[in-house]
Amino acid sequence: MFIFSRTRMSQLLEKNGPPGSIYGCSKTGWINEELFLTWLQHFAEFTHTSVENKMLLILDNHSTHCSAEAYAFCRENGVVTVSLPPHTSHRLQPLDVVFYSPLKSAYKRECDLFMKSKNLVKITPYDVAELFNKAYSLVAIIAKATSGFKNTGIHPLNPGIFTDEDFLVEDILQKNKDSTPVCVEDTVIANNKNNLQRPVRSPAKTVGINQSNPIQVPIQIVSPIPGCSTSTDVPTRGARPKQHSEILTSTPMKERLEEKKRKKEEKEKKYKEKRERKGQQCAMKTKIKKEKVEKKGTKFAAIKKHSQLQHKNIKRTLFESDTDSSMDEDDICID
């Protein structure tokens, strides 16, 4: 599935893409619950899954994989979804283990060849599907698919695929035991070249300090071991609950997903009402501003009309006075 960061989909984005692929778009360019449901429908169509012929789908704990719509679709079509433990996809997800690394290398190589053949022309979103198709055709083989499930211990099932060394770092970080104090005394350093050993000089004696007893220093002071921060160390607001591996299509998940859907609808409803109130306020402000402009324009038109009338009256008065004066002069000439 190809996801593009845009509002509307274009057929040009599907040019020379892998056969049987589907395309979608989102505002951020990341998958959302609607696109994941579209992918689930595509998955069910190609695997021919049903209630009688169930399929196991292994996913990570991304929030878009847990929705009421996806839950209902999987239950109706016999898709059993299981989530991976958090922070383990690099060891338990088959695509991450054997497929993504060679795919990225092949795609980068195809992009380099494309730019060299096109005189360093910029790669556009309309070229992505074709370039990915060339890289995908070289990497997607049956051997990689089977080795991915085998190396992660999923199929054939191998619970002993991981050793104690894989959990060593986690065990060290979780331990909160007191460290054994270190005795600071004369130490011996081995010389790698001539295998000679020589003692390191002790620090000079200080007056007032008893040198008969060695100094006891806890190892945490010398070299503190990083630990895991707990929720009590740094209080977080609105933090998500701790995640773990679980069956996403199990019955207890239904109530949680319905509650999640209800909260989402309430949030969208509040946001919509807020936008409507804001729109009404903007419309009211625009209406008041328009009325003020119209009132001001009407007042200005009245003042202008009044001034025009006054100007006309003044001109008429002047014209009449000029006419009267000319008539008096004529009378004088006649007499």
C-alpha atoms as a PDB file:
ATOM      1  CA  MET A   1       0.000   0.000   0.000  1.00  0.00           C
ATOM      2  CA  PHE A   2       1.327   3.401  -1.054  1.00  0.00           C
ATOM      3  CA  ILE A   3       0.388   6.379   1.130  1.00  0.00           C
ATOM      4  CA  PHE A   4       1.023   9.893  -0.173  1.00  0.00           C
ATOM      5  CA  SER A   5       0.937  13.134   1.780  1.00  0.00           C
ATOM      6  CA  ARG A   6      -1.837  14.935  -0.086  1.00  0.00           C
ATOM      7  CA  THR A   7      -5.549  15.634   0.064  1.00  0.00           C
ATOM      8  CA  ARG A   8      -6.801  14.093  -3.175  1.00  0.00           C
ATOM      9  CA  MET A   9      -5.623  11.001  -5.008  1.00  0.00           C
ATOM     10  CA  SER A  10      -4.418  11.086  -8.627  1.00  0.00           C
ATOM     11  CA  GLN A  11      -4.172   8.236 -11.115  1.00  0.00           C
ATOM     12  CA  LEU A  12      -0.729   9.461 -12.166  1.00  0.00           C
ATOM     13  CA  LEU A  13       0.654   8.347  -8.793  1.00  0.00           C
ATOM     14  CA  GLU A  14      -0.141   4.718  -9.705  1.00  0.00           C
ATOM     15  CA  LYS A  15       1.927   4.774 -12.895  1.00  0.00           C
ATOM     16  CA  ASN A  16       3.909   1.513 -13.380  1.00  0.00           C
ATOM     17  CA  GLY A  17       3.427   0.473  -9.756  1.00  0.00           C
ATOM     18  CA  PRO A  18       3.600  -3.127  -8.507  1.00  0.00           C
ATOM     19  CA  PRO A  19       0.676  -5.260  -9.743  1.00  0.00           C
ATOM     20  CA  GLY A  20      -2.107  -5.626  -7.197  1.00  0.00           C
ATOM     21  CA  SER A  21      -1.020  -2.636  -5.111  1.00  0.00           C
ATOM     22  CA  ILE A  22      -3.433  -0.171  -3.577  1.00  0.00           C
ATOM     23  CA  TYR A  23      -2.944   3.552  -3.127  1.00  0.00           C
ATOM     24  CA  GLY A  24      -4.178   6.094  -0.621  1.00  0.00           C
ATOM     25  CA  CYS A  25      -3.453   9.535   0.727  1.00  0.00           C
ATOM     26  CA  SER A  26      -3.595  11.266   4.086  1.00  0.00           C
ATOM     27  CA  LYS A  27      -2.907  14.722   5.390  1.00  0.00           C
ATOM     28  CA  THR A  28       0.303  13.696   7.174  1.00  0.00           C
ATOM     29  CA  GLY A  29       1.471  10.948   4.819  1.00  0.00           C
ATOM     30  CA  TRP A  30       1.145   8.345   7.593  1.00  0.00           C
ATOM     31  CA  ILE A  31      -1.370   5.565   7.909  1.00  0.00           C
ATOM     32  CA  ASN A  32      -4.622   6.214   9.768  1.00  0.00           C
ATOM     33  CA  GLU A  33      -7.556   4.049  10.852  1.00  0.00           C
ATOM     34  CA  GLU A  34      -9.441   4.491   7.565  1.00  0.00           C
ATOM     35  CA  LEU A  35      -6.414   3.520   5.453  1.00  0.00           C
ATOM     36  CA  PHE A  36      -5.690   0.545   7.696  1.00  0.00           C
ATOM     37  CA  LEU A  37      -9.242  -0.697   7.210  1.00  0.00           C
ATOM     38  CA  THR A  38      -8.760  -0.362   3.443  1.00  0.00           C
ATOM     39  CA  TRP A  39      -5.573  -2.408   3.720  1.00  0.00           C
ATOM     40  CA  LEU A  40      -7.400  -5.065   5.769  1.00  0.00           C
ATOM     41  CA  GLN A  41      -9.989  -5.414   3.012  1.00  0.00           C
ATOM     42  CA  HIS A  42      -7.151  -5.779   0.492  1.00  0.00           C
ATOM     43  CA  PHE A  43      -5.495  -8.400   2.730  1.00  0.00           C
ATOM     44  CA  ALA A  44      -8.709 -10.420   3.094  1.00  0.00           C
ATOM     45  CA  GLU A  45      -9.299 -10.323  -0.655  1.00  0.00           C
ATOM     46  CA  PHE A  46      -5.870 -11.746  -1.525  1.00  0.00           C
ATOM     47  CA  THR A  47      -5.672 -14.327   1.283  1.00  0.00           C
ATOM     48  CA  HIS A  48      -9.305 -15.525   0.859  1.00  0.00           C
ATOM     49  CA  THR A  49      -9.737 -15.570   4.604  1.00  0.00           C
ATOM     50  CA  SER A  50     -13.073 -16.468   6.182  1.00  0.00           C
ATOM     51  CA  VAL A  51     -14.524 -17.656   9.464  1.00  0.00           C
ATOM     52  CA  GLU A  52     -13.860 -21.267   8.389  1.00  0.00           C
ATOM     53  CA  ASN A  53     -10.391 -20.455   6.983  1.00  0.00           C
ATOM     54  CA  LYS A  54      -8.847 -18.115   9.561  1.00  0.00           C
ATOM     55  CA  MET A  55      -5.606 -16.190   9.051  1.00  0.00           C
ATOM     56  CA  LEU A  56      -3.103 -14.986  11.643  1.00  0.00           C
ATOM     57  CA  LEU A  57      -1.985 -11.367  11.233  1.00  0.00           C
ATOM     58  CA  ILE A  58       0.962 -10.163  13.356  1.00  0.00           C
ATOM     59  CA  LEU A  59       1.103  -6.415  13.936  1.00  0.00           C
ATOM     60  CA  ASP A  60       2.894  -3.880  16.076  1.00  0.00           C
ATOM     61  CA  ASN A  61       1.180  -1.738  18.696  1.00  0.00           C
ATOM     62  CA  HIS A  62       0.477   1.252  16.466  1.00  0.00           C
ATOM     63  CA  SER A  63      -2.663   3.124  17.474  1.00  0.00           C
ATOM     64  CA  THR A  64      -4.194   2.862  13.994  1.00  0.00           C
ATOM     65  CA  HIS A  65      -4.286  -0.938  14.266  1.00  0.00           C
ATOM     66  CA  CYS A  66      -6.759  -0.785  17.150  1.00  0.00           C
ATOM     67  CA  SER A  67     -10.149   0.534  16.069  1.00  0.00           C
ATOM     68  CA  ALA A  68     -13.729  -0.648  16.390  1.00  0.00           C
ATOM     69  CA  GLU A  69     -14.149  -0.814  12.600  1.00  0.00           C
ATOM     70  CA  ALA A  70     -11.014  -2.955  12.150  1.00  0.00           C
ATOM     71  CA  TYR A  71     -12.086  -5.200  15.042  1.00  0.00           C
ATOM     72  CA  ALA A  72     -15.531  -5.788  13.497  1.00  0.00           C
ATOM     73  CA  PHE A  73     -14.061  -6.490  10.057  1.00  0.00           C
ATOM     74  CA  CYS A  74     -11.514  -8.993  11.410  1.00  0.00           C
ATOM     75  CA  ARG A  75     -14.160 -10.826  13.440  1.00  0.00           C
ATOM     76  CA  GLU A  76     -16.488 -11.086  10.443  1.00  0.00           C
ATOM     77  CA  ASN A  77     -13.765 -12.291   8.046  1.00  0.00           C
ATOM     78  CA  GLY A  78     -11.792 -14.653  10.305  1.00  0.00           C
ATOM     79  CA  VAL A  79      -8.654 -12.532  10.706  1.00  0.00           C
ATOM     80  CA  VAL A  80      -6.903 -13.115  14.053  1.00  0.00           C
ATOM     81  CA  THR A  81      -4.594 -10.186  14.877  1.00  0.00           C
ATOM     82  CA  VAL A  82      -1.818 -10.449  17.457  1.00  0.00           C
ATOM     83  CA  SER A  83       0.309  -7.496  18.527  1.00  0.00           C
ATOM     84  CA  LEU A  84       4.030  -7.703  19.184  1.00  0.00           C
ATOM     85  CA  PRO A  85       5.532  -6.662  22.519  1.00  0.00           C
ATOM     86  CA  PRO A  86       6.649  -3.021  22.488  1.00  0.00           C
ATOM     87  CA  HIS A  87      10.187  -2.230  21.293  1.00  0.00           C
ATOM     88  CA  THR A  88      10.701  -5.710  19.811  1.00  0.00           C
ATOM     89  CA  SER A  89       9.843  -5.233  16.134  1.00  0.00           C
ATOM     90  CA  HIS A  90      13.555  -5.180  15.207  1.00  0.00           C
ATOM     91  CA  ARG A  91      13.796  -8.798  16.413  1.00  0.00           C
ATOM     92  CA  LEU A  92      10.268 -10.210  16.024  1.00  0.00           C
ATOM     93  CA  GLN A  93       8.883  -8.599  12.878  1.00  0.00           C
ATOM     94  CA  PRO A  94       9.902 -10.636   9.798  1.00  0.00           C
ATOM     95  CA  LEU A  95       9.943  -7.615   7.474  1.00  0.00           C
ATOM     96  CA  ASP A  96      12.279  -5.689   9.768  1.00  0.00           C
ATOM     97  CA  VAL A  97      14.625  -8.641  10.184  1.00  0.00           C
ATOM     98  CA  VAL A  98      15.248  -9.767   6.593  1.00  0.00           C
ATOM     99  CA  PHE A  99      13.363  -7.610   4.098  1.00  0.00           C
ATOM    100  CA  TYR A 100      13.456  -3.868   4.732  1.00  0.00           C
ATOM    101  CA  SER A 101      17.233  -3.455   4.697  1.00  0.00           C
ATOM    102  CA  PRO A 102      17.818  -4.982   1.218  1.00  0.00           C
ATOM    103  CA  LEU A 103      14.676  -3.246  -0.059  1.00  0.00           C
ATOM    104  CA  LYS A 104      15.995   0.161   1.033  1.00  0.00           C
ATOM    105  CA  SER A 105      19.350  -0.536  -0.612  1.00  0.00           C
ATOM    106  CA  ALA A 106      17.713  -1.623  -3.866  1.00  0.00           C
ATOM    107  CA  TYR A 107      15.368   1.390  -3.873  1.00  0.00           C
ATOM    108  CA  LYS A 108      18.266   3.770  -3.257  1.00  0.00           C
ATOM    109  CA  ARG A 109      20.170   2.180  -6.130  1.00  0.00           C
ATOM    110  CA  GLU A 110      17.197   2.597  -8.478  1.00  0.00           C
ATOM    111  CA  CYS A 111      16.867   6.252  -7.456  1.00  0.00           C
ATOM    112  CA  ASP A 112      20.553   6.833  -8.213  1.00  0.00           C
ATOM    113  CA  LEU A 113      20.224   5.213 -11.644  1.00  0.00           C
ATOM    114  CA  PHE A 114      17.106   7.269 -12.372  1.00  0.00           C
ATOM    115  CA  MET A 115      18.795  10.561 -11.521  1.00  0.00           C
ATOM    116  CA  LYS A 116      21.922   9.696 -13.518  1.00  0.00           C
ATOM    117  CA  SER A 117      19.890   8.746 -16.593  1.00  0.00           C
ATOM    118  CA  LYS A 118      17.718  11.889 -16.338  1.00  0.00           C
ATOM    119  CA  ASN A 119      20.596  14.359 -15.835  1.00  0.00           C
ATOM    120  CA  LEU A 120      19.943  14.740 -12.093  1.00  0.00           C
ATOM    121  CA  VAL A 121      16.256  15.501 -12.506  1.00  0.00           C
ATOM    122  CA  LYS A 122      14.392  15.690  -9.209  1.00  0.00           C
ATOM    123  CA  ILE A 123      12.344  12.618  -8.259  1.00  0.00           C
ATOM    124  CA  THR A 124       8.664  13.502  -7.904  1.00  0.00           C
ATOM    125  CA  PRO A 125       5.876  11.548  -6.164  1.00  0.00           C
ATOM    126  CA  TYR A 126       4.733  10.417  -9.613  1.00  0.00           C
ATOM    127  CA  ASP A 127       7.989   8.421 -10.027  1.00  0.00           C
ATOM    128  CA  VAL A 128       7.911   6.643  -6.657  1.00  0.00           C
ATOM    129  CA  ALA A 129       5.653   3.724  -7.668  1.00  0.00           C
ATOM    130  CA  GLU A 130       7.734   2.838 -10.719  1.00  0.00           C
ATOM    131  CA  LEU A 131      11.060   3.030  -8.864  1.00  0.00           C
ATOM    132  CA  PHE A 132       9.678   0.984  -5.978  1.00  0.00           C
ATOM    133  CA  ASN A 133       8.349  -1.628  -8.392  1.00  0.00           C
ATOM    134  CA  LYS A 134      11.839  -2.169  -9.856  1.00  0.00           C
ATOM    135  CA  ALA A 135      13.426  -2.526  -6.406  1.00  0.00           C
ATOM    136  CA  TYR A 136      10.605  -4.681  -5.046  1.00  0.00           C
ATOM    137  CA  SER A 137      10.830  -7.089  -7.988  1.00  0.00           C
ATOM    138  CA  LEU A 138      14.492  -7.741  -7.214  1.00  0.00           C
ATOM    139  CA  VAL A 139      14.119  -8.276  -3.476  1.00  0.00           C
ATOM    140  CA  ALA A 140      10.710  -9.914  -2.977  1.00  0.00           C
ATOM    141  CA  ILE A 141      11.480 -13.633  -3.206  1.00  0.00           C
ATOM    142  CA  ILE A 142      10.034 -16.661  -1.408  1.00  0.00           C
ATOM    143  CA  ALA A 143      13.329 -17.446   0.313  1.00  0.00           C
ATOM    144  CA  LYS A 144      13.352 -14.114   2.145  1.00  0.00           C
ATOM    145  CA  ALA A 145       9.740 -14.530   3.233  1.00  0.00           C
ATOM    146  CA  THR A 146      10.333 -17.961   4.754  1.00  0.00           C
ATOM    147  CA  SER A 147      13.630 -16.954   6.362  1.00  0.00           C
ATOM    148  CA  GLY A 148      11.946 -13.945   7.955  1.00  0.00           C
ATOM    149  CA  PHE A 149       9.457 -16.114   9.845  1.00  0.00           C
ATOM    150  CA  LYS A 150      12.161 -18.646  10.677  1.00  0.00           C
ATOM    151  CA  ASN A 151      14.702 -16.133  12.040  1.00  0.00           C
ATOM    152  CA  THR A 152      12.090 -14.575  14.311  1.00  0.00           C
ATOM    153  CA  GLY A 153      10.949 -17.963  15.653  1.00  0.00           C
ATOM    154  CA  ILE A 154       7.361 -17.501  14.473  1.00  0.00           C
ATOM    155  CA  HIS A 155       7.204 -20.379  11.994  1.00  0.00           C
ATOM    156  CA  PRO A 156       8.291 -22.991  12.666  1.00  0.00           C
ATOM    157  CA  LEU A 157       7.637 -22.033  16.280  1.00  0.00           C
ATOM    158  CA  ASN A 158      10.901 -21.755  18.174  1.00  0.00           C
ATOM    159  CA  PRO A 159      10.599 -20.271  21.704  1.00  0.00           C
ATOM    160  CA  GLY A 160      14.363 -20.716  22.208  1.00  0.00           C
ATOM    161  CA  ILE A 161      15.345 -18.438  19.339  1.00  0.00           C
ATOM    162  CA  PHE A 162      16.496 -15.862  21.927  1.00  0.00           C
ATOM    163  CA  THR A 163      19.178 -16.548  24.522  1.00  0.00           C
ATOM    164  CA  ASP A 164      19.767 -15.054  27.957  1.00  0.00           C
ATOM    165  CA  GLU A 165      22.280 -12.634  26.441  1.00  0.00           C
ATOM    166  CA  ASP A 166      19.468 -10.934  24.512  1.00  0.00           C
ATOM    167  CA  PHE A 167      17.833  -9.964  27.808  1.00  0.00           C
ATOM    168  CA  LEU A 168      21.063  -9.104  29.634  1.00  0.00           C
ATOM    169  CA  VAL A 169      20.762  -5.339  29.187  1.00  0.00           C
ATOM    170  CA  GLU A 170      17.162  -5.348  30.377  1.00  0.00           C
ATOM    171  CA  ASP A 171      18.071  -7.378  33.435  1.00  0.00           C
ATOM    172  CA  ILE A 172      20.870  -4.979  34.349  1.00  0.00           C
ATOM    173  CA  LEU A 173      18.641  -1.936  33.971  1.00  0.00           C
ATOM    174  CA  GLN A 174      15.889  -3.437  36.102  1.00  0.00           C
ATOM    175  CA  LYS A 175      18.145  -4.384  38.999  1.00  0.00           C
ATOM    176  CA  ASN A 176      18.135  -1.987  41.921  1.00  0.00           C
ATOM    177  CA  LYS A 177      20.514  -3.828  44.180  1.00  0.00           C
ATOM    178  CA  ASP A 178      23.253  -2.178  46.152  1.00  0.00           C
ATOM    179  CA  SER A 179      26.660  -2.432  44.567  1.00  0.00           C
ATOM    180  CA  THR A 180      29.672  -3.892  46.339  1.00  0.00           C
ATOM    181  CA  PRO A 181      32.002  -1.115  47.501  1.00  0.00           C
ATOM    182  CA  VAL A 182      35.308  -0.897  45.708  1.00  0.00           C
ATOM    183  CA  CYS A 183      38.532  -0.903  47.654  1.00  0.00           C
ATOM    184  CA  VAL A 184      40.906   1.757  46.320  1.00  0.00           C
ATOM    185  CA  GLU A 185      44.361   0.296  46.758  1.00  0.00           C
ATOM    186  CA  ASP A 186      47.508  -0.131  44.776  1.00  0.00           C
ATOM    187  CA  THR A 187      46.563  -1.744  41.453  1.00  0.00           C
ATOM    188  CA  VAL A 188      48.593  -3.550  38.869  1.00  0.00           C
ATOM    189  CA  ILE A 189      48.458  -2.672  35.172  1.00  0.00           C
ATOM    190  CA  ALA A 190      49.510  -5.252  32.623  1.00  0.00           C
ATOM    191  CA  ASN A 191      51.690  -4.040  29.800  1.00  0.00           C
ATOM    192  CA  ASN A 192      50.481  -5.593  26.519  1.00  0.00           C
ATOM    193  CA  LYS A 193      53.813  -5.180  24.765  1.00  0.00           C
ATOM    194  CA  ASN A 194      56.282  -6.830  27.063  1.00  0.00           C
ATOM    195  CA  ASN A 195      53.846  -8.459  29.534  1.00  0.00           C
ATOM    196  CA  LEU A 196      55.508  -6.585  32.370  1.00  0.00           C
ATOM    197  CA  GLN A 197      53.577  -5.655  35.454  1.00  0.00           C
ATOM    198  CA  ARG A 198      54.273  -2.578  37.459  1.00  0.00           C
ATOM    199  CA  PRO A 199      52.450  -1.175  40.473  1.00  0.00           C
ATOM    200  CA  VAL A 200      50.777   2.168  40.236  1.00  0.00           C
ATOM    201  CA  ARG A 201      51.993   4.682  42.750  1.00  0.00           C
ATOM    202  CA  SER A 202      49.627   5.376  45.582  1.00  0.00           C
ATOM    203  CA  PRO A 203      48.512   8.953  46.086  1.00  0.00           C
ATOM    204  CA  ALA A 204      50.556  11.039  48.465  1.00  0.00           C
ATOM    205  CA  LYS A 205      49.637  10.820  52.120  1.00  0.00           C
ATOM    206  CA  THR A 206      47.594  13.657  53.486  1.00  0.00           C
ATOM    207  CA  VAL A 207      47.974  14.937  56.988  1.00  0.00           C
ATOM    208  CA  GLY A 208      44.948  14.318  59.151  1.00  0.00           C
ATOM    209  CA  ILE A 209      43.649  11.270  57.215  1.00  0.00           C
ATOM    210  CA  ASN A 210      44.087   7.735  58.506  1.00  0.00           C
ATOM    211  CA  GLN A 211      45.860   5.788  55.731  1.00  0.00           C
ATOM    212  CA  SER A 212      45.709   2.434  57.473  1.00  0.00           C
ATOM    213  CA  ASN A 213      42.152   1.721  56.292  1.00  0.00           C
ATOM    214  CA  PRO A 214      41.330   1.710  52.553  1.00  0.00           C
ATOM    215  CA  ILE A 215      38.701   4.113  51.255  1.00  0.00           C
ATOM    216  CA  GLN A 216      35.313   2.492  50.541  1.00  0.00           C
ATOM    217  CA  VAL A 217      33.638   4.011  47.428  1.00  0.00           C
ATOM    218  CA  PRO A 218      30.341   2.692  46.022  1.00  0.00           C
ATOM    219  CA  ILE A 219      30.477   1.732  42.376  1.00  0.00           C
ATOM    220  CA  GLN A 220      27.463   3.993  41.599  1.00  0.00           C
ATOM    221  CA  ILE A 221      29.592   7.042  42.394  1.00  0.00           C
ATOM    222  CA  VAL A 222      32.505   5.919  40.224  1.00  0.00           C
ATOM    223  CA  SER A 223      30.428   4.688  37.284  1.00  0.00           C
ATOM    224  CA  PRO A 224      26.659   4.905  37.726  1.00  0.00           C
ATOM    225  CA  ILE A 225      24.568   2.365  35.836  1.00  0.00           C
ATOM    226  CA  PRO A 226      21.683   3.926  33.897  1.00  0.00           C
ATOM    227  CA  GLY A 227      18.323   2.795  35.137  1.00  0.00           C
ATOM    228  CA  CYS A 228      14.775   2.736  33.825  1.00  0.00           C
ATOM    229  CA  SER A 229      12.716   5.765  34.783  1.00  0.00           C
ATOM    230  CA  THR A 230       9.440   4.929  36.455  1.00  0.00           C
ATOM    231  CA  SER A 231       6.165   6.787  36.391  1.00  0.00           C
ATOM    232  CA  THR A 232       6.820   8.140  39.879  1.00  0.00           C
ATOM    233  CA  ASP A 233      10.097   9.756  38.806  1.00  0.00           C
ATOM    234  CA  VAL A 234       8.652  12.020  36.132  1.00  0.00           C
ATOM    235  CA  PRO A 235       4.899  12.588  36.428  1.00  0.00           C
ATOM    236  CA  THR A 236       3.336  12.681  32.986  1.00  0.00           C
ATOM    237  CA  ARG A 237      -0.045  14.040  32.059  1.00  0.00           C
ATOM    238  CA  GLY A 238      -2.283  11.971  29.809  1.00  0.00           C
ATOM    239  CA  ALA A 239       0.287   9.181  29.459  1.00  0.00           C
ATOM    240  CA  ARG A 240      -0.766   6.055  27.610  1.00  0.00           C
ATOM    241  CA  PRO A 241      -1.055   2.800  29.550  1.00  0.00           C
ATOM    242  CA  LYS A 242       1.797   0.354  29.340  1.00  0.00           C
ATOM    243  CA  GLN A 243       1.503  -1.803  26.225  1.00  0.00           C
ATOM    244  CA  HIS A 244       2.138  -5.509  25.865  1.00  0.00           C
ATOM    245  CA  SER A 245       1.508  -8.295  23.416  1.00  0.00           C
ATOM    246  CA  GLU A 246      -2.153  -9.279  23.139  1.00  0.00           C
ATOM    247  CA  ILE A 247      -4.782 -10.651  20.774  1.00  0.00           C
ATOM    248  CA  LEU A 248      -6.440  -7.595  19.259  1.00  0.00           C
ATOM    249  CA  THR A 249      -9.491  -9.558  18.077  1.00  0.00           C
ATOM    250  CA  SER A 250     -10.278 -11.058  21.484  1.00  0.00           C
ATOM    251  CA  THR A 251     -13.615 -10.358  23.171  1.00  0.00           C
ATOM    252  CA  PRO A 252     -12.236  -8.108  25.984  1.00  0.00           C
ATOM    253  CA  MET A 253     -10.845  -5.748  23.353  1.00  0.00           C
ATOM    254  CA  LYS A 254     -14.342  -4.956  22.065  1.00  0.00           C
ATOM    255  CA  GLU A 255     -15.327  -2.865  25.064  1.00  0.00           C
ATOM    256  CA  ARG A 256     -12.031  -0.985  25.025  1.00  0.00           C
ATOM    257  CA  LEU A 257     -12.328  -0.226  21.316  1.00  0.00           C
ATOM    258  CA  GLU A 258     -15.944   0.885  21.670  1.00  0.00           C
ATOM    259  CA  GLU A 259     -14.941   3.182  24.533  1.00  0.00           C
ATOM    260  CA  LYS A 260     -12.097   4.531  22.391  1.00  0.00           C
ATOM    261  CA  LYS A 261     -14.508   5.127  19.508  1.00  0.00           C
ATOM    262  CA  ARG A 262     -16.988   6.895  21.795  1.00  0.00           C
ATOM    263  CA  LYS A 263     -14.312   9.221  23.160  1.00  0.00           C
ATOM    264  CA  LYS A 264     -13.112   9.960  19.650  1.00  0.00           C
ATOM    265  CA  GLU A 265     -16.652  10.799  18.490  1.00  0.00           C
ATOM    266  CA  GLU A 266     -17.170  13.063  21.507  1.00  0.00           C
ATOM    267  CA  LYS A 267     -13.894  14.809  20.802  1.00  0.00           C
ATOM    268  CA  GLU A 268     -14.800  15.287  17.137  1.00  0.00           C
ATOM    269  CA  LYS A 269     -18.262  16.541  18.141  1.00  0.00           C
ATOM    270  CA  LYS A 270     -16.781  19.100  20.542  1.00  0.00           C
ATOM    271  CA  TYR A 271     -14.302  20.193  17.904  1.00  0.00           C
ATOM    272  CA  LYS A 272     -17.106  20.544  15.342  1.00  0.00           C
ATOM    273  CA  GLU A 273     -19.244  22.550  17.760  1.00  0.00           C
ATOM    274  CA  LYS A 274     -16.282  24.770  18.550  1.00  0.00           C
ATOM    275  CA  ARG A 275     -15.697  25.369  14.843  1.00  0.00           C
ATOM    276  CA  GLU A 276     -19.376  26.145  14.335  1.00  0.00           C
ATOM    277  CA  ARG A 277     -19.379  28.625  17.239  1.00  0.00           C
ATOM    278  CA  LYS A 278     -16.261  30.231  15.883  1.00  0.00           C
ATOM    279  CA  GLY A 279     -17.825  30.406  12.434  1.00  0.00           C
ATOM    280  CA  GLN A 280     -20.969  31.991  13.842  1.00  0.00           C
ATOM    281  CA  GLN A 281     -18.899  34.527  15.750  1.00  0.00           C
ATOM    282  CA  CYS A 282     -16.931  35.369  12.620  1.00  0.00           C
ATOM    283  CA  ALA A 283     -20.183  35.687  10.624  1.00  0.00           C
ATOM    284  CA  MET A 284     -21.663  37.952  13.301  1.00  0.00           C
ATOM    285  CA  LYS A 285     -18.547  40.122  13.353  1.00  0.00           C
ATOM    286  CA  THR A 286     -18.606  40.329   9.553  1.00  0.00           C
ATOM    287  CA  LYS A 287     -22.295  41.257   9.605  1.00  0.00           C
ATOM    288  CA  ILE A 288     -21.744  43.974  12.226  1.00  0.00           C
ATOM    289  CA  LYS A 289     -18.777  45.305  10.293  1.00  0.00           C
ATOM    290  CA  LYS A 290     -20.823  45.317   7.085  1.00  0.00           C
ATOM    291  CA  GLU A 291     -23.680  47.134   8.811  1.00  0.00           C
ATOM    292  CA  LYS A 292     -21.250  49.716  10.139  1.00  0.00           C
ATOM    293  CA  VAL A 293     -19.830  50.205   6.656  1.00  0.00           C
ATOM    294  CA  GLU A 294     -23.303  50.477   5.160  1.00  0.00           C
ATOM    295  CA  LYS A 295     -24.388  52.911   7.886  1.00  0.00           C
ATOM    296  CA  LYS A 296     -21.265  54.937   7.382  1.00  0.00           C
ATOM    297  CA  GLY A 297     -21.810  54.881   3.620  1.00  0.00           C
ATOM    298  CA  THR A 298     -25.442  55.949   4.032  1.00  0.00           C
ATOM    299  CA  LYS A 299     -24.389  58.764   6.324  1.00  0.00           C
ATOM    300  CA  PHE A 300     -21.690  59.842   3.907  1.00  0.00           C
ATOM    301  CA  ALA A 301     -24.165  59.718   1.009  1.00  0.00           C
ATOM    302  CA  ALA A 302     -26.626  61.856   2.992  1.00  0.00           C
ATOM    303  CA  ILE A 303     -23.909  64.386   3.823  1.00  0.00           C
ATOM    304  CA  LYS A 304     -22.812  64.440   0.214  1.00  0.00           C
ATOM    305  CA  LYS A 305     -26.360  64.912  -1.009  1.00  0.00           C
ATOM    306  CA  HIS A 306     -26.909  67.664   1.529  1.00  0.00           C
ATOM    307  CA  SER A 307     -23.717  69.404   0.466  1.00  0.00           C
ATOM    308  CA  GLN A 308     -24.708  69.101  -3.188  1.00  0.00           C
ATOM    309  CA  LEU A 309     -28.099  70.678  -2.405  1.00  0.00           C
ATOM    310  CA  GLN A 310     -26.451  73.490  -0.507  1.00  0.00           C
ATOM    311  CA  HIS A 311     -24.021  74.047  -3.368  1.00  0.00           C
ATOM    312  CA  LYS A 312     -26.897  74.051  -5.848  1.00  0.00           C
ATOM    313  CA  ASN A 313     -28.876  76.523  -3.745  1.00  0.00           C
ATOM    314  CA  ILE A 314     -25.868  78.799  -3.494  1.00  0.00           C
ATOM    315  CA  LYS A 315     -25.383  78.711  -7.255  1.00  0.00           C
ATOM    316  CA  ARG A 316     -29.050  79.439  -7.782  1.00  0.00           C
ATOM    317  CA  THR A 317     -28.919  82.361  -5.354  1.00  0.00           C
ATOM    318  CA  LEU A 318     -25.877  83.797  -7.089  1.00  0.00           C
ATOM    319  CA  PHE A 319     -27.506  83.361 -10.497  1.00  0.00           C
ATOM    320  CA  GLU A 320     -30.668  85.131  -9.350  1.00  0.00           C
ATOM    321  CA  SER A 321     -28.684  88.008  -7.839  1.00  0.00           C
ATOM    322  CA  ASP A 322     -26.732  88.406 -11.098  1.00  0.00           C
ATOM    323  CA  THR A 323     -29.984  88.446 -13.097  1.00  0.00           C
ATOM    324  CA  ASP A 324     -31.499  91.137 -10.887  1.00  0.00           C
ATOM    325  CA  SER A 325     -28.434  93.345 -11.182  1.00  0.00           C
ATOM    326  CA  SER A 326     -28.399  93.037 -15.020  1.00  0.00           C
ATOM    327  CA  MET A 327     -32.068  93.944 -15.213  1.00  0.00           C
ATOM    328  CA  ASP A 328     -31.489  97.117 -13.153  1.00  0.00           C
ATOM    329  CA  GLU A 329     -28.727  98.192 -15.523  1.00  0.00           C
ATOM    330  CA  ASP A 330     -30.997  97.677 -18.537  1.00  0.00           C
ATOM    331  CA  ASP A 331     -33.699  99.751 -16.899  1.00  0.00           C
ATOM    332  CA  ILE A 332     -31.214 102.498 -16.300  1.00  0.00           C
ATOM    333  CA  CYS A 333     -30.119 102.510 -19.948  1.00  0.00           C
ATOM    334  CA  ILE A 334     -33.716 102.537 -21.186  1.00  0.00           C
ATOM    335  CA  ASP A 335     -34.628 105.521 -18.986  1.00  0.00           C
END
